[in-house]
Amino acid sequence: KECWLLFHPRKLRTRSASMQWLLLKLEKALGEDISITHQLPEFQQLLRQLDGLDEIFNLYLGSDAPLLLPLRRRLARMIQRAEQVEKEPVKVVERVKQAAVQLFSSDSDIDNEREAQRALSMQENSVRSLCRWWLKQKTTDLRAFRLGRSQVWYAVDSLPERNSEKITQLRRLPADKLSNYQERFEQGLYADLIVDLEASLAGSPFWFDGQRMVWNCLKALGGEAAMREVEIQFALLLKRIPDLVELRFHDGVPFADAETLQWIAAHILVPEVHVSNARGSESQHDALEQSSLYHDALPVLQKKGLKAAVRLVTDHLKGVVGGRERFFCKLCIARLCIDAKKYELAKVQLEHLDQELQTASLPVWEPTVFLDVSRLLYSCYERIALNEKAVARKEVIYQRLCHHDLERFIDS
């Protein structure tokens, strides 16, 4: 206010236009992927500054004053929602940070197991702090999801102790916290929720339902790159120890519920391509094409809905000549139906694809695709009401999976 007369440009209309340009930049920066809850004082200060600017603009620019009201209302709503979120008490970690600085600023070598464990503990604390800071700046920053999961899962190389019913001694998150997370997800508070979910996942590495919730939050925010990072890191863990998804917490609750298992089948454990003969390069090419088409259609599904996503695939299908590529396009449509929770539509698509495989006697030549279709079809049967014919069909698929995928069903 004191420096108003010294500002450039001198002309008031030009100055107003400059301020309007700056406000547009501010609106773009204030995206939904910005965490408000964990930076509440800063955003409250920003709101007060906007009020002050509005007063100055009206005083000096009159009718040419930029309109700050829409931006102010938007920011006020974001702050109000953040204030309503039940915040956990913040723990003071200054002494830990000081110890970490002292440790890692030292030039001394690690000479024994005790020093190694101490160094590792300090490093883990540093990684958690860094990931949390990244998420506060931008909730879709893929570095946080890559580094955080690498740090949590790097030492997991075997199944935790469990009994014959696959129940471990591990405890799950408290019920009230799970309820709070679900409520905030339904309210659309995705950015702030991701920060807290990642903190909980760091302390509960086998809470796989939380991985799905993070993925869905990122999906709602349009963070495709971060979604892929969650998928990649989770897939690496499950390929290393596939039986993890079958275990349960101490109270019998599974690490992954039915919806999470379906998500894993559709997005995490995608079929691997094995090149073993002259047809290998063709199979690999078709699988890569299908994967690329599917990932191109996902953002369309998120923003415009299933109809637009299916139209994208069917438009591509019109120019396809080979039967293999046509098959993969149809499989892509079935996956999109599952993503949209249209399980009945997906079932119809998958039953037709399964019939194509059987008629052409392809299960022997395309075992990976055959299993993929069977798993997706079985997951659809588990999600919808079945008539007598469908129940019989489900039993056939179950027996098939028990025969071809015994490790997955041996303890069912």
Protein backbone atom coordinates (compact mmCIF):
# COMPACT_ATOMS: atom_id res chain seq x y z
CA LYS A 1 0.00 0.00 0.00
CA GLU A 2 2.86 2.34 0.86
CA CYS A 3 4.63 1.54 -2.43
CA TRP A 4 1.62 1.75 -4.74
CA LEU A 5 2.76 4.93 -6.48
CA LEU A 6 6.16 3.40 -7.23
CA PHE A 7 4.81 0.31 -9.00
CA HIS A 8 5.06 -0.29 -12.74
CA PRO A 9 3.34 -0.10 -15.12
CA ARG A 10 2.20 3.44 -14.39
CA LYS A 11 -1.09 3.33 -16.29
CA LEU A 12 -3.83 2.01 -14.04
CA ARG A 13 -5.55 -0.10 -16.70
CA THR A 14 -2.26 -1.70 -17.70
CA ARG A 15 -1.51 -2.31 -14.05
CA SER A 16 -4.94 -3.87 -13.58
CA ALA A 17 -4.35 -6.17 -16.57
CA SER A 18 -1.00 -7.22 -15.10
CA MET A 19 -2.63 -8.04 -11.79
CA GLN A 20 -5.33 -10.03 -13.59
CA TRP A 21 -2.64 -12.08 -15.35
CA LEU A 22 -0.99 -12.76 -11.99
CA LEU A 23 -4.30 -13.89 -10.49
CA LEU A 24 -4.81 -16.39 -13.32
CA LYS A 25 -1.39 -17.86 -12.53
CA LEU A 26 -2.32 -18.08 -8.86
CA GLU A 27 -5.59 -19.87 -9.64
CA LYS A 28 -3.72 -22.49 -11.68
CA ALA A 29 -1.15 -22.97 -8.91
CA LEU A 30 -3.89 -23.48 -6.34
CA GLY A 31 -4.78 -26.94 -7.62
CA GLU A 32 -6.69 -29.71 -5.91
CA ASP A 33 -3.45 -31.69 -5.49
CA ILE A 34 -2.12 -29.15 -2.98
CA SER A 35 -2.30 -30.29 0.64
CA ILE A 36 -4.02 -27.61 2.72
CA THR A 37 -4.35 -29.36 6.08
CA HIS A 38 -0.63 -29.72 6.61
CA GLN A 39 0.12 -26.11 5.61
CA LEU A 40 -2.92 -24.43 7.13
CA PRO A 41 -1.19 -21.35 8.65
CA GLU A 42 0.42 -20.47 5.32
CA PHE A 43 -2.88 -20.62 3.46
CA GLN A 44 -4.69 -18.68 6.18
CA GLN A 45 -2.05 -15.97 5.79
CA LEU A 46 -2.58 -16.06 2.01
CA LEU A 47 -6.31 -15.52 2.55
CA ARG A 48 -5.61 -12.46 4.71
CA GLN A 49 -3.26 -11.11 2.06
CA LEU A 50 -5.95 -11.51 -0.58
CA ASP A 51 -8.32 -9.50 1.61
CA GLY A 52 -5.70 -6.76 1.88
CA LEU A 53 -5.09 -6.75 -1.87
CA ASP A 54 -8.81 -6.52 -2.56
CA GLU A 55 -9.02 -3.43 -0.35
CA ILE A 56 -6.06 -1.80 -2.12
CA PHE A 57 -7.38 -2.60 -5.60
CA ASN A 58 -10.79 -1.12 -4.84
CA LEU A 59 -9.17 1.97 -3.32
CA TYR A 60 -6.82 2.78 -6.20
CA LEU A 61 -8.32 1.08 -9.27
CA GLY A 62 -12.03 1.53 -8.70
CA SER A 63 -14.05 -0.04 -11.51
CA ASP A 64 -10.85 -1.41 -13.11
CA ALA A 65 -9.98 -3.44 -10.01
CA PRO A 66 -9.35 -7.17 -10.68
CA LEU A 67 -12.05 -9.43 -9.28
CA LEU A 68 -10.55 -11.29 -6.32
CA LEU A 69 -13.80 -12.60 -4.87
CA PRO A 70 -13.96 -15.95 -6.77
CA LEU A 71 -10.39 -16.85 -5.85
CA ARG A 72 -10.93 -15.77 -2.25
CA ARG A 73 -14.11 -17.87 -1.94
CA ARG A 74 -12.37 -20.89 -3.41
CA LEU A 75 -9.45 -20.58 -1.02
CA ALA A 76 -11.79 -20.00 1.93
CA ARG A 77 -13.73 -23.19 1.10
CA MET A 78 -10.51 -25.20 0.89
CA ILE A 79 -9.37 -23.85 4.26
CA GLN A 80 -12.77 -24.53 5.84
CA ARG A 81 -12.72 -28.14 4.64
CA ALA A 82 -9.19 -28.58 5.95
CA GLU A 83 -10.15 -27.16 9.36
CA GLN A 84 -12.95 -29.71 9.64
CA VAL A 85 -10.62 -32.64 9.09
CA GLU A 86 -9.71 -34.36 12.31
CA LYS A 87 -5.98 -33.87 12.62
CA GLU A 88 -3.75 -36.25 14.49
CA PRO A 89 -1.43 -34.75 17.11
CA VAL A 90 1.92 -33.75 15.64
CA LYS A 91 4.90 -35.50 17.19
CA VAL A 92 8.06 -33.51 17.87
CA VAL A 93 11.05 -35.07 16.09
CA GLU A 94 13.67 -32.35 16.46
CA ARG A 95 16.00 -34.52 18.54
CA VAL A 96 15.80 -37.28 15.95
CA LYS A 97 16.58 -34.81 13.18
CA GLN A 98 19.55 -33.44 15.12
CA ALA A 99 20.86 -36.94 15.65
CA ALA A 100 20.46 -37.67 11.95
CA VAL A 101 22.40 -34.54 11.04
CA GLN A 102 25.18 -35.47 13.45
CA LEU A 103 25.32 -39.01 12.11
CA PHE A 104 25.33 -38.28 8.40
CA SER A 105 27.59 -35.25 8.65
CA SER A 106 30.20 -37.46 10.27
CA ASP A 107 32.99 -38.89 8.17
CA SER A 108 33.38 -41.96 10.39
CA ASP A 109 32.92 -45.37 8.80
CA ILE A 110 30.42 -47.97 9.97
CA ASP A 111 32.39 -50.65 11.78
CA ASN A 112 29.79 -52.90 13.42
CA GLU A 113 26.20 -54.10 13.21
CA ARG A 114 25.00 -51.70 15.89
CA GLU A 115 26.29 -48.69 13.96
CA ALA A 116 24.80 -50.10 10.77
CA GLN A 117 21.35 -50.43 12.37
CA ARG A 118 21.60 -46.94 13.83
CA ALA A 119 22.57 -45.50 10.44
CA LEU A 120 19.72 -47.37 8.76
CA SER A 121 17.19 -46.09 11.30
CA MET A 122 18.32 -42.50 10.79
CA GLN A 123 18.18 -42.93 7.04
CA GLU A 124 14.62 -44.25 7.22
CA ASN A 125 13.54 -41.23 9.28
CA SER A 126 15.13 -38.91 6.75
CA VAL A 127 13.36 -40.66 3.87
CA ARG A 128 9.98 -40.36 5.59
CA SER A 129 10.50 -36.66 6.27
CA LEU A 130 11.56 -36.05 2.67
CA CYS A 131 8.60 -37.93 1.21
CA ARG A 132 6.19 -36.07 3.48
CA TRP A 133 7.67 -32.74 2.40
CA TRP A 134 7.37 -33.68 -1.28
CA LEU A 135 3.72 -34.62 -0.80
CA LYS A 136 2.96 -31.33 0.96
CA GLN A 137 4.32 -29.42 -2.00
CA LYS A 138 2.55 -31.55 -4.62
CA THR A 139 0.50 -34.58 -3.69
CA THR A 140 1.04 -36.22 -7.08
CA ASP A 141 4.85 -36.03 -6.93
CA LEU A 142 5.84 -39.54 -8.07
CA ARG A 143 9.21 -39.32 -6.26
CA ALA A 144 7.46 -39.65 -2.90
CA PHE A 145 5.67 -42.85 -3.97
CA ARG A 146 8.81 -44.37 -5.49
CA LEU A 147 11.17 -43.60 -2.62
CA GLY A 148 8.66 -44.25 0.16
CA ARG A 149 7.72 -47.71 -1.07
CA SER A 150 11.31 -48.65 -1.79
CA GLN A 151 12.19 -47.76 1.79
CA VAL A 152 9.24 -49.65 3.33
CA TRP A 153 9.46 -52.83 1.25
CA TYR A 154 13.19 -53.18 0.52
CA ALA A 155 13.76 -55.52 3.51
CA VAL A 156 10.66 -57.67 2.93
CA ASP A 157 12.01 -60.88 1.40
CA SER A 158 9.77 -63.53 2.98
CA LEU A 159 6.28 -64.06 4.36
CA PRO A 160 5.66 -62.95 7.96
CA GLU A 161 4.98 -65.66 10.53
CA ARG A 162 1.44 -67.05 10.26
CA ASN A 163 -0.65 -70.02 11.35
CA SER A 164 -2.36 -72.63 9.20
CA GLU A 165 -5.24 -70.22 8.57
CA LYS A 166 -2.77 -67.60 7.26
CA ILE A 167 -3.36 -65.32 10.25
CA THR A 168 -0.31 -63.31 11.30
CA GLN A 169 0.50 -61.43 14.50
CA LEU A 170 0.47 -58.11 12.64
CA ARG A 171 -2.10 -55.54 13.72
CA ARG A 172 -4.09 -53.44 11.32
CA LEU A 173 -4.93 -49.76 11.61
CA PRO A 174 -7.51 -48.77 14.25
CA ALA A 175 -11.11 -48.90 13.08
CA ASP A 176 -11.74 -45.22 13.82
CA LYS A 177 -8.79 -44.20 11.65
CA LEU A 178 -10.00 -46.40 8.78
CA SER A 179 -13.46 -44.88 9.12
CA ASN A 180 -11.98 -41.38 9.09
CA TYR A 181 -10.00 -42.14 5.93
CA GLN A 182 -13.07 -43.52 4.16
CA GLU A 183 -15.16 -40.51 5.16
CA ARG A 184 -12.56 -38.07 3.87
CA PHE A 185 -12.26 -40.02 0.63
CA GLU A 186 -16.02 -39.78 0.10
CA GLN A 187 -15.81 -36.03 0.79
CA GLY A 188 -13.22 -35.65 -1.96
CA LEU A 189 -10.38 -34.47 0.32
CA TYR A 190 -7.88 -36.40 -1.76
CA ALA A 191 -4.76 -34.25 -1.43
CA ASP A 192 -4.70 -34.07 2.36
CA LEU A 193 -5.81 -37.70 2.63
CA ILE A 194 -2.86 -38.94 0.56
CA VAL A 195 -0.38 -37.34 2.98
CA ASP A 196 -1.93 -39.19 5.93
CA LEU A 197 -2.39 -42.44 4.02
CA GLU A 198 1.28 -42.51 3.05
CA ALA A 199 2.26 -41.97 6.70
CA SER A 200 0.04 -44.89 7.75
CA LEU A 201 1.38 -47.13 4.97
CA ALA A 202 4.94 -46.44 6.11
CA GLY A 203 4.04 -47.97 9.48
CA SER A 204 1.73 -50.69 8.11
CA PRO A 205 3.42 -52.00 4.95
CA PHE A 206 0.95 -54.87 4.45
CA TRP A 207 -2.23 -52.76 4.55
CA PHE A 208 -2.91 -53.30 0.86
CA ASP A 209 -6.38 -51.73 0.96
CA GLY A 210 -4.52 -48.48 1.69
CA GLN A 211 -2.48 -48.89 -1.49
CA ARG A 212 -5.72 -49.07 -3.45
CA MET A 213 -7.11 -46.00 -1.69
CA VAL A 214 -3.97 -44.00 -2.51
CA TRP A 215 -4.24 -45.13 -6.13
CA ASN A 216 -7.89 -44.04 -6.28
CA CYS A 217 -7.03 -40.65 -4.75
CA LEU A 218 -4.35 -40.14 -7.39
CA LYS A 219 -6.82 -41.23 -10.05
CA ALA A 220 -9.30 -38.58 -8.86
CA LEU A 221 -6.54 -35.95 -8.96
CA GLY A 222 -5.41 -36.96 -12.44
CA GLY A 223 -1.96 -38.06 -11.24
CA GLU A 224 -1.36 -40.74 -13.89
CA ALA A 225 2.43 -40.83 -13.44
CA ALA A 226 2.10 -41.28 -9.67
CA MET A 227 -0.54 -43.99 -10.22
CA ARG A 228 1.89 -45.89 -12.44
CA GLU A 229 4.57 -45.59 -9.76
CA VAL A 230 2.26 -47.11 -7.13
CA GLU A 231 1.44 -49.94 -9.54
CA ILE A 232 5.10 -50.61 -10.39
CA GLN A 233 6.35 -50.68 -6.81
CA PHE A 234 3.44 -52.85 -5.63
CA ALA A 235 3.93 -55.25 -8.54
CA LEU A 236 7.62 -55.66 -7.68
CA LEU A 237 6.68 -56.67 -4.14
CA LEU A 238 3.98 -59.15 -5.20
CA LYS A 239 6.13 -60.72 -7.90
CA ARG A 240 8.80 -61.28 -5.27
CA ILE A 241 6.36 -62.66 -2.65
CA PRO A 242 3.04 -63.42 -4.40
CA ASP A 243 1.40 -65.13 -1.40
CA LEU A 244 1.37 -61.92 0.64
CA VAL A 245 -2.11 -61.04 -0.61
CA GLU A 246 -3.52 -64.21 0.97
CA LEU A 247 -2.44 -63.41 4.54
CA ARG A 248 -4.51 -61.83 7.32
CA PHE A 249 -3.99 -59.53 10.28
CA HIS A 250 -4.19 -60.82 13.85
CA ASP A 251 -7.99 -60.39 13.95
CA GLY A 252 -8.58 -62.34 10.73
CA VAL A 253 -9.07 -59.30 8.48
CA PRO A 254 -7.25 -59.93 5.18
CA PHE A 255 -4.31 -57.82 4.01
CA ALA A 256 -6.34 -57.28 0.82
CA ASP A 257 -10.14 -57.35 0.74
CA ALA A 258 -12.17 -58.58 -2.24
CA GLU A 259 -12.18 -55.20 -3.98
CA THR A 260 -8.43 -54.83 -3.51
CA LEU A 261 -7.83 -58.32 -4.92
CA GLN A 262 -9.85 -57.39 -7.98
CA TRP A 263 -7.83 -54.16 -8.32
CA ILE A 264 -4.60 -56.13 -8.05
CA ALA A 265 -5.73 -58.53 -10.77
CA ALA A 266 -6.76 -55.70 -13.08
CA HIS A 267 -3.94 -53.19 -12.52
CA ILE A 268 -1.00 -54.64 -10.62
CA LEU A 269 -0.32 -58.21 -11.74
CA VAL A 270 -0.66 -57.63 -15.48
CA PRO A 271 0.27 -60.61 -17.67
CA GLU A 272 3.94 -61.11 -18.35
CA VAL A 273 5.11 -61.74 -21.89
CA HIS A 274 7.47 -64.70 -22.37
CA VAL A 275 9.28 -64.95 -25.71
CA SER A 276 10.04 -68.58 -26.38
CA ASN A 277 9.47 -69.18 -30.09
CA ALA A 278 9.01 -67.52 -33.44
CA ARG A 279 5.65 -66.13 -32.31
CA GLY A 280 7.22 -64.51 -29.27
CA SER A 281 7.97 -61.17 -30.84
CA GLU A 282 4.42 -60.97 -32.17
CA SER A 283 2.97 -61.78 -28.73
CA GLN A 284 5.18 -59.19 -27.10
CA HIS A 285 4.19 -56.57 -29.66
CA ASP A 286 0.47 -57.26 -29.22
CA ALA A 287 0.72 -57.15 -25.42
CA LEU A 288 2.61 -53.87 -25.52
CA GLU A 289 0.08 -52.42 -27.95
CA GLN A 290 -2.78 -53.47 -25.68
CA SER A 291 -1.07 -52.02 -22.62
CA SER A 292 -0.44 -48.72 -24.42
CA LEU A 293 -4.04 -48.52 -25.62
CA TYR A 294 -5.35 -49.29 -22.13
CA HIS A 295 -3.22 -46.59 -20.51
CA ASP A 296 -4.32 -44.10 -23.19
CA ALA A 297 -7.95 -44.89 -22.43
CA LEU A 298 -7.64 -44.64 -18.62
CA PRO A 299 -7.46 -40.80 -18.46
CA VAL A 300 -10.47 -40.61 -20.80
CA LEU A 301 -12.38 -42.95 -18.47
CA GLN A 302 -11.51 -40.77 -15.47
CA LYS A 303 -12.46 -37.47 -17.09
CA LYS A 304 -15.24 -38.29 -19.56
CA GLY A 305 -16.61 -41.64 -18.45
CA LEU A 306 -16.81 -45.20 -19.72
CA LYS A 307 -18.67 -44.39 -22.93
CA ALA A 308 -15.94 -42.05 -24.16
CA ALA A 309 -13.18 -44.49 -23.17
CA VAL A 310 -14.86 -47.38 -24.98
CA ARG A 311 -15.35 -45.16 -28.03
CA LEU A 312 -11.61 -44.49 -28.08
CA VAL A 313 -10.86 -48.22 -28.15
CA THR A 314 -13.56 -49.05 -30.70
CA ASP A 315 -12.28 -46.29 -33.00
CA HIS A 316 -8.87 -47.93 -32.80
CA LEU A 317 -10.48 -51.32 -33.38
CA LYS A 318 -11.93 -50.17 -36.73
CA GLY A 319 -8.44 -49.93 -38.20
CA VAL A 320 -7.28 -53.29 -36.85
CA VAL A 321 -6.97 -56.22 -39.24
CA GLY A 322 -5.24 -59.00 -37.27
CA GLY A 323 -7.31 -61.24 -35.05
CA ARG A 324 -4.82 -61.14 -32.18
CA GLU A 325 -4.85 -57.37 -31.94
CA ARG A 326 -8.65 -57.32 -32.17
CA PHE A 327 -8.74 -59.75 -29.26
CA PHE A 328 -6.50 -57.50 -27.14
CA CYS A 329 -8.66 -54.46 -27.96
CA LYS A 330 -11.74 -56.31 -26.71
CA LEU A 331 -9.84 -57.33 -23.57
CA CYS A 332 -8.97 -53.66 -23.07
CA ILE A 333 -12.69 -52.78 -23.20
CA ALA A 334 -13.42 -55.44 -20.57
CA ARG A 335 -10.75 -53.97 -18.28
CA LEU A 336 -12.24 -50.50 -18.68
CA CYS A 337 -15.67 -51.86 -17.73
CA ILE A 338 -14.14 -53.35 -14.57
CA ASP A 339 -12.46 -50.02 -13.74
CA ALA A 340 -15.85 -48.34 -14.09
CA LYS A 341 -17.38 -51.04 -11.83
CA LYS A 342 -19.64 -52.19 -14.66
CA TYR A 343 -19.04 -55.82 -13.78
CA GLU A 344 -22.03 -57.17 -15.71
CA LEU A 345 -20.79 -55.53 -18.91
CA ALA A 346 -17.27 -56.80 -18.25
CA LYS A 347 -18.61 -60.31 -17.67
CA VAL A 348 -20.32 -60.34 -21.06
CA GLN A 349 -17.13 -59.18 -22.80
CA LEU A 350 -14.94 -61.69 -20.96
CA GLU A 351 -17.29 -64.62 -21.56
CA HIS A 352 -17.15 -63.89 -25.28
CA LEU A 353 -13.33 -63.66 -25.19
CA ASP A 354 -13.12 -66.87 -23.20
CA GLN A 355 -15.28 -68.59 -25.82
CA GLU A 356 -12.96 -67.31 -28.56
CA LEU A 357 -9.98 -68.82 -26.77
CA GLN A 358 -11.72 -72.17 -26.30
CA THR A 359 -13.02 -72.37 -29.87
CA ALA A 360 -9.60 -71.67 -31.35
CA SER A 361 -7.90 -74.08 -28.91
CA LEU A 362 -5.61 -71.25 -27.81
CA PRO A 363 -5.20 -72.00 -24.08
CA VAL A 364 -2.17 -74.16 -24.89
CA TRP A 365 -0.59 -71.54 -27.13
CA GLU A 366 -1.65 -68.46 -25.15
CA PRO A 367 -1.51 -69.62 -21.49
CA THR A 368 -0.84 -66.16 -20.05
CA VAL A 369 -3.75 -64.52 -21.87
CA PHE A 370 -5.94 -67.53 -21.07
CA LEU A 371 -5.24 -67.18 -17.34
CA ASP A 372 -5.68 -63.42 -17.43
CA VAL A 373 -9.15 -63.70 -18.97
CA SER A 374 -10.11 -66.46 -16.53
CA ARG A 375 -9.01 -64.46 -13.48
CA LEU A 376 -10.84 -61.33 -14.58
CA LEU A 377 -13.97 -63.31 -15.40
CA TYR A 378 -13.93 -65.05 -12.02
CA SER A 379 -13.54 -61.69 -10.24
CA CYS A 380 -16.63 -60.42 -12.10
CA TYR A 381 -18.64 -63.46 -11.02
CA GLU A 382 -17.74 -62.66 -7.42
CA ARG A 383 -19.03 -59.08 -7.73
CA ILE A 384 -22.48 -59.61 -9.25
CA ALA A 385 -25.67 -61.53 -8.52
CA LEU A 386 -25.70 -64.85 -10.36
CA ASN A 387 -28.47 -66.97 -11.79
CA GLU A 388 -28.26 -70.76 -11.86
CA LYS A 389 -26.47 -70.83 -15.22
CA ALA A 390 -23.91 -68.25 -14.11
CA VAL A 391 -23.25 -70.13 -10.85
CA ALA A 392 -22.43 -73.24 -12.88
CA ARG A 393 -20.20 -71.18 -15.15
CA LYS A 394 -18.40 -69.70 -12.15
CA GLU A 395 -17.71 -73.19 -10.83
CA VAL A 396 -16.20 -74.18 -14.20
CA ILE A 397 -13.88 -71.15 -14.12
CA TYR A 398 -12.95 -71.89 -10.51
CA GLN A 399 -12.01 -75.47 -11.34
CA ARG A 400 -10.01 -74.23 -14.30
CA LEU A 401 -8.07 -71.79 -12.15
CA CYS A 402 -7.44 -74.46 -9.54
CA HIS A 403 -5.96 -76.61 -12.30
CA HIS A 404 -3.87 -73.95 -14.04
CA ASP A 405 -3.10 -71.64 -11.11
CA LEU A 406 -2.83 -74.08 -8.22
CA GLU A 407 -0.56 -71.96 -6.01
CA ARG A 408 -3.17 -69.21 -5.82
CA PHE A 409 -6.01 -71.55 -4.80
CA ILE A 410 -4.29 -74.36 -2.94
CA ASP A 411 -5.26 -73.04 0.51
CA SER A 412 -8.65 -71.61 -0.44
